[in-house]
């Protein structure tokens, strides 16, 4: 072995080592020179940090998760896992929705399915082709009209040509008997890892059940942050809630936060995103007080806007809310401040003829880490837009009620804070009852374009509403256009900031539901990417 180490090999080895040391020294010296030069030489006047490069992210499928039908709790609410009794004999639940084609009439692959992916209705196949009669810019719609459901469901539409599909759906529940007598509707929500829900209550006669639905193939681990009138609530059992793929988990909020008149829930998910909603029902003694699905609203921000607010006669409301058990039977704004600083909130109420003054004034202080309620009673009957602004971020929702007699069934709905309207929002409209599109403009004039979607898949000619700044406009939805049933609308806005909602009522009943318009489809997005090791 030693014979292999010849003197020539040893010299070569030492020569290589010396060369490496010299090269290293040269590199170090060069680096030192660069550092010294950078230290001594002044920076160019235009020197600045370069932003992270933007990488294009392909558009994904459009997904909306619809909550399942409302169901009565059975037995005690001492725990958080509910047991449900059979639904009432008259309860009906159905999903309505629409998927919009690309110009030329090509519908994206789309379907309504169960939460586990089992297809219920195929709207269009992935290889669908445009009809020969379609013009180069003509749109058409794939329609779901009053599809009966008995569990959570999912509307999904595939991306096409780098663009997310324009699609939306809602679930409508109604019952004319039992403790869940009333009417409720909810938008089918895109799954998220972070949402806020405001308007729950766990006092006597109020039942709030949080439903978490996981339509992905990844398990979701959910944590809840609860806010009440006295501050944030530390509740054992509110962290690490597992929601398996293709399943729904229901949680009785009274088991986490009992006796809370106003309760907001911040839902955060790790792993798979979830769709969250709160089934809220009211029983005033033996009289049904309504049912609603509380949907997520806008994320915490310095301004929140809610439209689709229906306010009844001020005098009758005043008399009703003085009755025991009816304190929450009138309209009110709830403000949740998640931060460490109190929020000074300015509230403006815009009606058909402009701004209306609130009897209690328009400025309130909302305590940090808690929920504050502000009554909206005392203004004239009509439809309104509520705009609230502050110096700190907050979450908001507005309670809407119907019914003015304490011995008759009434209903309640929560209007979540909405988003500013842009281009091509899809607004599904369920059948039956009174349907009203409501739009509010804030400071300056806005223009709204709305095109009816009919059951035959046609997009009808657009109509336009010009809305003055600081006003609210209501548009009744007709039953038919050109002899075909109206199943939805495509809505676009221009001009100043405008907001929209769909208000639903039932003929001859004190039923109500208010749904903020969903965001429009987005195209290819770009995200900042930082390279490192």
Protein backbone atom coordinates (compact mmCIF):
# COMPACT_ATOMS: atom_id res chain seq x y z
CA UNK A 1 0.00 0.00 0.00
CA UNK A 2 2.81 2.39 0.85
CA UNK A 3 4.47 1.64 -2.48
CA UNK A 4 1.63 3.45 -4.31
CA UNK A 5 2.53 6.74 -2.65
CA UNK A 6 5.41 7.68 -4.97
CA UNK A 7 7.34 10.92 -4.45
CA UNK A 8 5.82 12.21 -7.69
CA UNK A 9 2.28 11.55 -6.37
CA UNK A 10 3.10 13.30 -3.09
CA UNK A 11 4.46 16.36 -4.91
CA UNK A 12 1.35 16.51 -7.08
CA UNK A 13 -0.87 16.34 -4.03
CA UNK A 14 0.94 19.11 -2.26
CA UNK A 15 0.95 21.21 -5.46
CA UNK A 16 -2.84 20.85 -5.75
CA UNK A 17 -3.31 21.85 -2.10
CA UNK A 18 -1.12 24.90 -2.55
CA UNK A 19 -3.00 25.93 -5.68
CA UNK A 20 -6.30 25.62 -3.80
CA UNK A 21 -5.02 27.76 -0.92
CA UNK A 22 -3.80 30.44 -3.31
CA UNK A 23 -7.14 30.44 -5.14
CA UNK A 24 -9.02 30.73 -1.85
CA UNK A 25 -6.88 33.60 -0.75
CA UNK A 26 -7.49 35.34 -4.05
CA UNK A 27 -11.24 34.89 -3.70
CA UNK A 28 -11.20 36.21 -0.13
CA UNK A 29 -9.10 39.18 -1.19
CA UNK A 30 -11.43 39.91 -4.06
CA UNK A 31 -14.41 39.72 -1.78
CA UNK A 32 -12.73 42.04 0.65
CA UNK A 33 -12.06 44.46 -2.16
CA UNK A 34 -15.70 44.35 -3.19
CA UNK A 35 -16.83 44.96 0.39
CA UNK A 36 -14.39 47.80 0.81
CA UNK A 37 -15.44 49.31 -2.48
CA UNK A 38 -19.06 49.02 -1.51
CA UNK A 39 -18.30 50.63 1.84
CA UNK A 40 -16.20 53.51 0.56
CA UNK A 41 -18.00 54.26 -2.69
CA UNK A 42 -21.31 56.14 -2.43
CA UNK A 43 -24.47 54.32 -3.57
CA UNK A 44 -25.99 55.49 -6.83
CA UNK A 45 -28.84 57.93 -6.32
CA UNK A 46 -31.34 55.51 -7.90
CA UNK A 47 -30.24 52.51 -5.82
CA UNK A 48 -33.19 50.58 -4.33
CA UNK A 49 -34.23 47.10 -3.24
CA UNK A 50 -35.71 44.97 -5.97
CA UNK A 51 -39.12 43.39 -5.27
CA UNK A 52 -39.58 39.63 -5.32
CA UNK A 53 -40.28 38.24 -8.77
CA UNK A 54 -43.90 37.48 -9.62
CA UNK A 55 -44.80 33.96 -10.72
CA UNK A 56 -48.01 33.18 -12.57
CA UNK A 57 -50.34 30.73 -10.80
CA UNK A 58 -52.75 28.81 -13.05
CA UNK A 59 -56.42 29.54 -12.43
CA UNK A 60 -58.10 26.77 -10.46
CA UNK A 61 -61.59 25.36 -10.53
CA UNK A 62 -64.49 27.46 -9.25
CA UNK A 63 -65.87 25.68 -6.16
CA UNK A 64 -68.88 26.60 -4.03
CA UNK A 65 -69.92 24.50 -1.03
CA UNK A 66 -73.61 24.68 -0.14
CA UNK A 67 -74.66 23.94 3.46
CA UNK A 68 -77.03 21.08 4.13
CA UNK A 69 -80.67 21.55 5.19
CA UNK A 70 -81.50 23.05 8.57
CA UNK A 71 -82.17 20.40 11.22
CA UNK A 72 -83.50 20.48 14.76
CA UNK A 73 -81.25 19.62 17.67
CA UNK A 74 -82.38 16.68 19.76
CA UNK A 75 -81.75 16.44 23.52
CA UNK A 76 -79.29 18.47 25.57
CA UNK A 77 -76.86 21.10 24.28
CA UNK A 78 -74.39 20.45 27.10
CA UNK A 79 -71.81 19.12 24.62
CA UNK A 80 -70.60 20.38 21.28
CA UNK A 81 -71.44 17.36 19.10
CA UNK A 82 -75.09 17.61 18.08
CA UNK A 83 -77.76 14.97 17.73
CA UNK A 84 -80.44 15.92 15.24
CA UNK A 85 -84.12 15.04 15.26
CA UNK A 86 -86.06 14.26 12.05
CA UNK A 87 -86.86 17.27 9.92
CA UNK A 88 -90.39 18.66 9.74
CA UNK A 89 -92.94 17.30 7.27
CA UNK A 90 -92.98 20.53 5.25
CA UNK A 91 -89.24 21.23 5.15
CA UNK A 92 -87.83 21.64 1.65
CA UNK A 93 -84.24 22.31 0.59
CA UNK A 94 -83.05 22.98 -2.94
CA UNK A 95 -79.98 24.32 -4.75
CA UNK A 96 -80.19 26.82 -7.61
CA UNK A 97 -77.19 27.95 -9.63
CA UNK A 98 -75.67 28.96 -12.95
CA UNK A 99 -72.39 28.52 -14.81
CA UNK A 100 -71.49 31.06 -17.50
CA UNK A 101 -69.79 30.11 -20.77
CA UNK A 102 -66.79 31.69 -22.42
CA UNK A 103 -67.49 34.03 -25.36
CA UNK A 104 -68.76 31.83 -28.16
CA UNK A 105 -70.93 29.71 -25.91
CA UNK A 106 -68.44 27.08 -24.69
CA UNK A 107 -69.44 25.97 -21.19
CA UNK A 108 -66.69 24.81 -18.83
CA UNK A 109 -66.89 21.29 -17.44
CA UNK A 110 -69.19 21.72 -14.45
CA UNK A 111 -71.34 19.71 -12.06
CA UNK A 112 -73.29 19.64 -8.81
CA UNK A 113 -72.04 16.85 -6.57
CA UNK A 114 -72.16 15.51 -3.05
CA UNK A 115 -69.41 16.56 -0.64
CA UNK A 116 -67.55 13.29 -1.25
CA UNK A 117 -67.41 13.97 -5.00
CA UNK A 118 -70.30 11.78 -6.09
CA UNK A 119 -71.90 13.59 -9.04
CA UNK A 120 -75.58 14.50 -8.72
CA UNK A 121 -76.06 16.71 -11.80
CA UNK A 122 -73.69 17.13 -14.72
CA UNK A 123 -74.13 20.63 -16.11
CA UNK A 124 -71.57 20.39 -18.92
CA UNK A 125 -68.94 17.84 -19.92
CA UNK A 126 -65.25 18.74 -20.03
CA UNK A 127 -65.23 18.32 -23.82
CA UNK A 128 -68.37 20.41 -24.43
CA UNK A 129 -68.25 22.40 -27.68
CA UNK A 130 -69.97 25.63 -28.60
CA UNK A 131 -73.17 25.45 -30.60
CA UNK A 132 -72.96 26.51 -34.20
CA UNK A 133 -75.49 29.31 -33.73
CA UNK A 134 -73.46 31.10 -31.10
CA UNK A 135 -71.83 34.32 -32.20
CA UNK A 136 -68.20 35.18 -31.42
CA UNK A 137 -69.10 37.08 -28.25
CA UNK A 138 -72.34 35.37 -27.28
CA UNK A 139 -72.63 33.91 -23.80
CA UNK A 140 -74.88 31.16 -22.55
CA UNK A 141 -75.46 29.54 -19.16
CA UNK A 142 -75.63 26.08 -17.69
CA UNK A 143 -78.45 26.10 -15.15
CA UNK A 144 -79.38 24.23 -11.98
CA UNK A 145 -83.02 24.94 -11.23
CA UNK A 146 -84.35 24.03 -7.78
CA UNK A 147 -82.43 20.76 -7.37
CA UNK A 148 -83.64 19.06 -4.16
CA UNK A 149 -80.84 18.20 -1.70
CA UNK A 150 -80.70 16.44 1.67
CA UNK A 151 -77.05 17.12 2.58
CA UNK A 152 -74.19 19.51 1.86
CA UNK A 153 -73.41 19.78 -1.86
CA UNK A 154 -70.73 21.28 -4.11
CA UNK A 155 -70.99 23.29 -7.34
CA UNK A 156 -67.71 23.04 -9.27
CA UNK A 157 -66.67 24.40 -12.67
CA UNK A 158 -63.33 23.83 -14.37
CA UNK A 159 -61.02 26.64 -15.42
CA UNK A 160 -60.81 27.32 -19.15
CA UNK A 161 -58.08 29.11 -21.13
CA UNK A 162 -56.39 30.30 -17.95
CA UNK A 163 -59.58 31.87 -16.62
CA UNK A 164 -61.58 30.81 -13.60
CA UNK A 165 -65.16 29.94 -14.48
CA UNK A 166 -67.97 32.34 -13.60
CA UNK A 167 -70.34 30.26 -11.48
CA UNK A 168 -72.44 30.60 -8.35
CA UNK A 169 -75.17 28.76 -6.46
CA UNK A 170 -77.33 29.10 -3.36
CA UNK A 171 -79.26 26.75 -1.12
CA UNK A 172 -82.81 27.61 -0.04
CA UNK A 173 -84.57 26.05 2.98
CA UNK A 174 -88.20 26.59 3.96
CA UNK A 175 -90.63 25.03 6.44
CA UNK A 176 -94.17 25.96 7.43
CA UNK A 177 -94.37 23.82 10.57
CA UNK A 178 -92.26 22.92 13.59
CA UNK A 179 -89.72 24.92 15.54
CA UNK A 180 -87.69 25.64 12.38
CA UNK A 181 -90.68 27.29 10.75
CA UNK A 182 -89.39 30.01 8.48
CA UNK A 183 -87.16 30.58 5.50
CA UNK A 184 -83.38 30.61 5.05
CA UNK A 185 -80.99 30.83 2.13
CA UNK A 186 -77.21 30.72 1.91
CA UNK A 187 -74.65 31.33 -0.82
CA UNK A 188 -72.53 28.31 -1.72
CA UNK A 189 -69.17 29.47 -0.40
CA UNK A 190 -65.66 28.87 -1.77
CA UNK A 191 -63.61 26.91 0.81
CA UNK A 192 -61.13 28.98 2.81
CA UNK A 193 -58.53 28.65 5.54
CA UNK A 194 -59.66 31.84 7.30
CA UNK A 195 -63.24 33.17 7.65
CA UNK A 196 -65.35 35.25 10.05
CA UNK A 197 -68.99 34.66 10.97
CA UNK A 198 -70.96 37.24 12.98
CA UNK A 199 -74.49 37.11 14.40
CA UNK A 200 -74.66 33.92 16.48
CA UNK A 201 -76.45 33.74 19.84
CA UNK A 202 -76.52 31.05 22.53
CA UNK A 203 -79.01 32.52 25.01
CA UNK A 204 -82.26 30.81 25.99
CA UNK A 205 -84.33 29.93 22.92
CA UNK A 206 -81.47 30.62 20.48
CA UNK A 207 -79.65 27.71 18.86
CA UNK A 208 -76.41 28.10 16.91
CA UNK A 209 -74.80 25.13 15.17
CA UNK A 210 -71.53 25.71 13.32
CA UNK A 211 -71.05 23.44 10.29
CA UNK A 212 -67.60 22.86 8.79
CA UNK A 213 -67.50 21.14 5.40
CA UNK A 214 -64.31 19.83 3.80
CA UNK A 215 -64.69 19.28 0.06
CA UNK A 216 -60.95 18.73 -0.49
CA UNK A 217 -58.90 15.52 -0.41
CA UNK A 218 -56.78 16.79 2.50
CA UNK A 219 -57.77 16.57 6.19
CA UNK A 220 -58.50 19.94 7.80
CA UNK A 221 -57.56 20.85 11.37
CA UNK A 222 -59.76 23.74 12.50
CA UNK A 223 -59.33 26.18 15.38
CA UNK A 224 -62.04 28.59 16.53
CA UNK A 225 -61.66 32.02 18.12
CA UNK A 226 -64.84 33.14 19.88
CA UNK A 227 -65.78 36.76 20.67
CA UNK A 228 -68.65 37.83 22.93
CA UNK A 229 -69.93 41.04 24.49
CA UNK A 230 -67.39 40.87 27.32
CA UNK A 231 -64.35 39.95 25.26
CA UNK A 232 -62.67 36.95 23.71
CA UNK A 233 -63.85 33.60 25.08
CA UNK A 234 -61.29 30.93 25.96
CA UNK A 235 -63.20 27.72 25.32
CA UNK A 236 -61.74 24.23 25.88
CA UNK A 237 -62.43 22.09 22.85
CA UNK A 238 -62.25 24.94 20.35
CA UNK A 239 -58.84 23.96 18.95
CA UNK A 240 -57.61 21.10 16.82
CA UNK A 241 -61.01 20.09 15.41
CA UNK A 242 -60.46 17.48 12.68
CA UNK A 243 -62.68 17.54 9.59
CA UNK A 244 -62.04 14.56 7.33
CA UNK A 245 -62.01 14.94 3.52
CA UNK A 246 -65.47 14.81 1.97
CA UNK A 247 -67.26 15.28 5.29
CA UNK A 248 -69.12 17.82 7.43
CA UNK A 249 -68.60 18.36 11.15
CA UNK A 250 -71.26 20.14 13.25
CA UNK A 251 -70.49 21.94 16.52
CA UNK A 252 -73.06 23.27 18.99
CA UNK A 253 -71.71 26.71 19.93
CA UNK A 254 -73.61 26.73 23.24
CA UNK A 255 -71.24 23.98 24.37
CA UNK A 256 -68.29 26.33 23.85
CA UNK A 257 -69.80 29.71 24.75
CA UNK A 258 -73.12 29.39 26.64
CA UNK A 259 -75.35 32.38 27.37
CA UNK A 260 -73.83 34.74 24.79
CA UNK A 261 -76.34 37.20 23.32
CA UNK A 262 -73.90 38.25 20.59
CA UNK A 263 -71.23 35.84 19.40
CA UNK A 264 -68.76 36.04 16.53
CA UNK A 265 -66.62 33.12 15.37
CA UNK A 266 -63.24 33.27 13.64
CA UNK A 267 -62.61 29.97 11.82
CA UNK A 268 -59.05 29.08 10.90
CA UNK A 269 -58.07 25.88 9.13
CA UNK A 270 -54.71 24.16 8.65
CA UNK A 271 -54.42 21.65 5.83
CA UNK A 272 -57.56 21.46 3.72
CA UNK A 273 -59.72 24.60 3.41
CA UNK A 274 -63.28 24.43 4.76
CA UNK A 275 -66.64 26.05 4.09
CA UNK A 276 -68.23 27.36 7.29
CA UNK A 277 -71.78 28.42 8.13
CA UNK A 278 -73.88 28.76 11.29
CA UNK A 279 -77.42 27.39 11.41
CA UNK A 280 -79.17 29.89 13.69
CA UNK A 281 -82.73 29.42 14.92
CA UNK A 282 -84.90 31.30 17.41
CA UNK A 283 -87.77 30.08 19.57
CA UNK A 284 -89.56 32.77 21.62
CA UNK A 285 -91.35 30.68 24.23
CA UNK A 286 -93.51 28.44 22.04
CA UNK A 287 -93.52 30.80 19.06
CA UNK A 288 -91.04 30.20 16.21
CA UNK A 289 -88.77 33.21 15.78
CA UNK A 290 -87.11 32.23 12.54
CA UNK A 291 -84.19 30.32 11.06
CA UNK A 292 -81.14 31.52 9.14
CA UNK A 293 -77.79 30.41 7.78
CA UNK A 294 -75.09 32.84 8.88
CA UNK A 295 -72.49 33.00 6.09
CA UNK A 296 -68.95 34.42 6.21
CA UNK A 297 -68.61 38.13 5.61
CA UNK A 298 -65.73 40.34 4.55
CA UNK A 299 -62.42 39.99 6.42
CA UNK A 300 -61.54 42.58 9.09
CA UNK A 301 -61.17 46.01 7.49
CA UNK A 302 -61.50 49.71 8.31
CA UNK A 303 -64.77 49.89 6.34
CA UNK A 304 -67.60 47.37 6.11
CA UNK A 305 -70.70 47.68 3.93
CA UNK A 306 -73.94 45.68 4.12
CA UNK A 307 -76.88 46.12 1.79
CA UNK A 308 -80.16 44.24 1.46
CA UNK A 309 -81.31 45.63 4.82
CA UNK A 310 -85.12 45.63 5.15
CA UNK A 311 -86.50 47.75 8.03
CA UNK A 312 -90.11 47.60 9.20
CA UNK A 313 -92.35 50.22 10.80
CA UNK A 314 -90.47 52.04 13.56
CA UNK A 315 -93.41 52.40 15.97
CA UNK A 316 -94.46 48.75 15.76
CA UNK A 317 -90.87 47.60 16.17
CA UNK A 318 -90.47 49.73 19.28
CA UNK A 319 -93.53 48.13 20.87
CA UNK A 320 -92.43 44.60 19.93
CA UNK A 321 -88.85 44.84 21.19
CA UNK A 322 -90.07 45.99 24.63
CA UNK A 323 -91.76 42.60 25.10
CA UNK A 324 -89.86 39.98 27.11
CA UNK A 325 -87.94 37.64 24.83
CA UNK A 326 -88.22 39.98 21.84
CA UNK A 327 -85.26 42.24 22.58
CA UNK A 328 -83.48 40.94 19.46
CA UNK A 329 -86.54 41.15 17.18
CA UNK A 330 -85.44 44.42 15.57
CA UNK A 331 -82.70 45.43 13.11
CA UNK A 332 -79.22 45.95 14.52
CA UNK A 333 -75.60 46.26 13.46
CA UNK A 334 -73.05 44.03 15.21
CA UNK A 335 -69.41 45.11 15.29
CA UNK A 336 -66.56 42.78 16.29
CA UNK A 337 -63.12 44.26 16.95
CA UNK A 338 -60.47 41.51 16.95
CA UNK A 339 -57.50 43.78 17.68
CA UNK A 340 -56.10 45.33 20.85
CA UNK A 341 -57.46 48.85 20.30
CA UNK A 342 -61.01 50.15 20.67
CA UNK A 343 -62.68 51.18 17.42
CA UNK A 344 -64.48 54.50 16.99
CA UNK A 345 -67.03 53.56 14.32
CA UNK A 346 -69.03 55.97 12.18
CA UNK A 347 -72.29 54.43 10.88
CA UNK A 348 -74.22 55.72 7.87
CA UNK A 349 -77.59 54.45 6.69
CA UNK A 350 -78.45 55.06 3.02
CA UNK A 351 -82.05 54.66 1.81
CA UNK A 352 -83.88 55.36 -1.41
CA UNK A 353 -83.83 59.13 -0.86
CA UNK A 354 -80.38 59.43 0.67
CA UNK A 355 -78.81 59.21 4.11
CA UNK A 356 -81.06 58.70 7.14
CA UNK A 357 -80.05 59.78 10.64
CA UNK A 358 -79.88 57.14 13.35
CA UNK A 359 -81.86 58.13 16.47
CA UNK A 360 -78.91 57.26 18.71
CA UNK A 361 -76.38 59.13 16.61
CA UNK A 362 -74.00 57.73 14.05
CA UNK A 363 -70.80 57.29 16.08
CA UNK A 364 -70.10 54.52 18.61
CA UNK A 365 -67.06 53.15 20.41
CA UNK A 366 -66.66 49.39 20.01
CA UNK A 367 -64.47 47.74 22.63
CA UNK A 368 -61.39 45.81 21.55
CA UNK A 369 -61.69 42.04 21.50
CA UNK A 370 -65.48 42.03 21.87
CA UNK A 371 -68.84 42.38 20.10
CA UNK A 372 -70.85 45.63 20.20
CA UNK A 373 -74.46 45.88 19.00
CA UNK A 374 -76.02 49.08 17.64
CA UNK A 375 -79.79 49.31 17.10
CA UNK A 376 -80.95 50.46 13.66
CA UNK A 377 -84.58 50.90 14.68
CA UNK A 378 -86.28 54.28 14.44
CA UNK A 379 -85.74 55.04 10.75
CA UNK A 380 -88.52 55.01 8.14
CA UNK A 381 -89.65 51.73 6.58
CA UNK A 382 -87.64 50.71 3.53
CA UNK A 383 -84.56 49.09 2.06
CA UNK A 384 -81.16 50.32 3.19
CA UNK A 385 -77.40 50.07 2.83
CA UNK A 386 -75.32 50.27 6.03
CA UNK A 387 -71.77 51.63 5.76
CA UNK A 388 -69.53 51.58 8.84
CA UNK A 389 -65.99 52.96 8.99
CA UNK A 390 -63.39 53.20 11.71
CA UNK A 391 -59.77 53.94 12.51
CA UNK A 392 -59.04 50.25 13.16
CA UNK A 393 -60.07 47.02 11.44
CA UNK A 394 -63.31 45.30 12.46
CA UNK A 395 -65.89 42.75 11.34
CA UNK A 396 -69.59 43.58 10.89
CA UNK A 397 -72.98 42.05 10.08
CA UNK A 398 -76.54 43.41 10.21
CA UNK A 399 -79.61 41.66 11.61
CA UNK A 400 -82.80 41.84 9.51
CA UNK A 401 -86.15 40.78 10.96
CA UNK A 402 -89.74 40.27 9.76
CA UNK A 403 -92.87 40.11 11.91
CA UNK A 404 -94.41 42.66 14.25
CA UNK A 405 -96.73 40.57 16.46
CA UNK A 406 -95.54 38.70 19.54
CA UNK A 407 -97.98 35.81 19.15
CA UNK A 408 -97.21 34.99 15.51
CA UNK A 409 -94.27 33.27 13.83
CA UNK A 410 -91.54 35.66 12.65
CA UNK A 411 -88.22 35.33 10.87
CA UNK A 412 -84.66 36.61 11.13
CA UNK A 413 -81.74 36.95 8.71
CA UNK A 414 -78.18 38.19 8.91
CA UNK A 415 -76.73 40.36 6.14
CA UNK A 416 -72.98 39.76 5.98
CA UNK A 417 -70.57 42.51 4.98
CA UNK A 418 -70.07 42.37 1.21
CA UNK A 419 -67.44 43.19 -1.38
CA UNK A 420 -67.30 46.08 -3.81
CA UNK A 421 -68.95 45.07 -7.09
CA UNK A 422 -66.85 44.66 -10.19
CA UNK A 423 -67.48 42.83 -13.44
CA UNK A 424 -69.61 39.73 -14.14
CA UNK A 425 -70.93 38.64 -10.76
CA UNK A 426 -73.20 35.60 -11.06
CA UNK A 427 -76.34 35.93 -8.90
CA UNK A 428 -78.51 32.79 -8.69
CA UNK A 429 -82.19 33.40 -7.90
CA UNK A 430 -84.42 30.70 -6.36
CA UNK A 431 -88.01 30.17 -7.41
CA UNK A 432 -91.04 31.34 -5.43
CA UNK A 433 -91.79 34.36 -3.31
CA UNK A 434 -90.56 37.89 -3.75
CA UNK A 435 -87.01 38.37 -5.06
CA UNK A 436 -85.39 41.81 -4.94
CA UNK A 437 -81.97 42.94 -6.16
CA UNK A 438 -80.73 45.75 -3.92
CA UNK A 439 -77.78 48.00 -4.75
CA UNK A 440 -76.16 50.74 -2.71
CA UNK A 441 -73.70 53.44 -3.80
CA UNK A 442 -71.63 55.30 -1.23
CA UNK A 443 -70.07 58.68 -1.95
CA UNK A 444 -70.61 59.17 -5.69
CA UNK A 445 -72.75 57.91 -8.54
CA UNK A 446 -72.50 54.28 -9.73
CA UNK A 447 -73.95 52.44 -12.71
CA UNK A 448 -75.22 48.85 -12.44
CA UNK A 449 -75.69 46.55 -15.45
CA UNK A 450 -77.79 43.44 -14.87
CA UNK A 451 -78.70 40.70 -17.37
CA UNK A 452 -81.27 38.02 -16.57
CA UNK A 453 -80.29 34.36 -16.90
CA UNK A 454 -83.28 32.25 -17.94
CA UNK A 455 -83.97 28.54 -17.53
CA UNK A 456 -83.34 27.91 -21.25
CA UNK A 457 -79.69 28.94 -20.77
CA UNK A 458 -80.00 32.34 -22.45
CA UNK A 459 -78.37 35.54 -21.21
CA UNK A 460 -80.95 38.24 -21.83
CA UNK A 461 -80.24 41.81 -22.90
CA UNK A 462 -78.78 43.94 -20.14
CA UNK A 463 -80.66 46.62 -18.22
CA UNK A 464 -78.97 49.52 -16.44
CA UNK A 465 -79.60 51.21 -13.10
CA UNK A 466 -78.01 54.58 -12.40
CA UNK A 467 -77.57 55.03 -8.63
CA UNK A 468 -76.89 58.39 -7.03
CA UNK A 469 -74.18 58.53 -4.37
CA UNK A 470 -75.44 57.85 -0.85
CA UNK A 471 -78.62 56.04 -1.96
CA UNK A 472 -80.04 52.51 -2.24
CA UNK A 473 -81.99 51.15 -5.23
CA UNK A 474 -84.34 48.14 -5.26
CA UNK A 475 -85.18 46.12 -8.40
CA UNK A 476 -87.94 43.51 -8.35
CA UNK A 477 -87.03 40.26 -10.09
CA UNK A 478 -89.75 39.16 -12.56
CA UNK A 479 -90.87 35.55 -12.67
CA UNK A 480 -90.21 35.26 -16.41
CA UNK A 481 -88.44 37.04 -19.26
CA UNK A 482 -89.48 36.17 -22.83
CA UNK A 483 -91.64 33.30 -21.52
CA UNK A 484 -88.70 31.62 -19.76
CA UNK A 485 -88.23 31.47 -15.98
CA UNK A 486 -85.59 33.78 -14.48
CA UNK A 487 -83.01 31.71 -12.59
CA UNK A 488 -80.29 34.31 -12.03
CA UNK A 489 -78.49 37.44 -13.15
CA UNK A 490 -75.11 38.61 -14.35
CA UNK A 491 -74.30 41.87 -12.57
CA UNK A 492 -71.52 44.38 -13.30
CA UNK A 493 -70.81 47.80 -11.78
CA UNK A 494 -68.88 50.89 -12.82
CA UNK A 495 -68.31 54.32 -11.34
CA UNK A 496 -67.98 54.79 -7.59
CA UNK A 497 -67.99 51.92 -5.08
CA UNK A 498 -71.25 49.97 -5.25
CA UNK A 499 -72.47 46.98 -3.23
CA UNK A 500 -75.26 44.49 -3.87
CA UNK A 501 -77.48 41.88 -2.24
CA UNK A 502 -80.40 39.59 -3.04
CA UNK A 503 -83.34 39.98 -0.66
CA UNK A 504 -85.79 37.07 -0.52
CA UNK A 505 -89.27 37.05 0.98
CA UNK A 506 -92.25 34.66 0.91
CA UNK A 507 -95.75 35.62 -0.19
CA UNK A 508 -98.19 35.84 2.73
CA UNK A 509 -95.55 34.97 5.32
CA UNK A 510 -93.11 36.89 7.52
CA UNK A 511 -90.11 35.17 5.95
CA UNK A 512 -86.87 36.86 4.93
CA UNK A 513 -83.29 36.16 3.85
CA UNK A 514 -80.55 38.53 2.69
CA UNK A 515 -77.53 37.37 0.67
CA UNK A 516 -74.57 39.55 -0.28
CA UNK A 517 -73.46 39.15 -3.89
CA UNK A 518 -70.51 36.79 -4.29
CA UNK A 519 -67.15 37.91 -5.74
CA UNK A 520 -66.70 37.72 -9.50
CA UNK A 521 -64.42 35.10 -11.02
CA UNK A 522 -60.73 35.98 -11.15
CA UNK A 523 -58.30 35.14 -13.92
CA UNK A 524 -54.70 34.06 -13.69
CA UNK A 525 -53.09 35.40 -10.53
CA UNK A 526 -49.49 36.30 -9.76
CA UNK A 527 -47.77 35.71 -6.44
CA UNK A 528 -44.37 37.02 -5.21
CA UNK A 529 -41.66 34.36 -5.13
CA UNK A 530 -38.39 34.77 -3.19
CA UNK A 531 -35.51 32.46 -4.08
CA UNK A 532 -33.25 31.20 -1.33
CA UNK A 533 -31.69 28.18 0.25
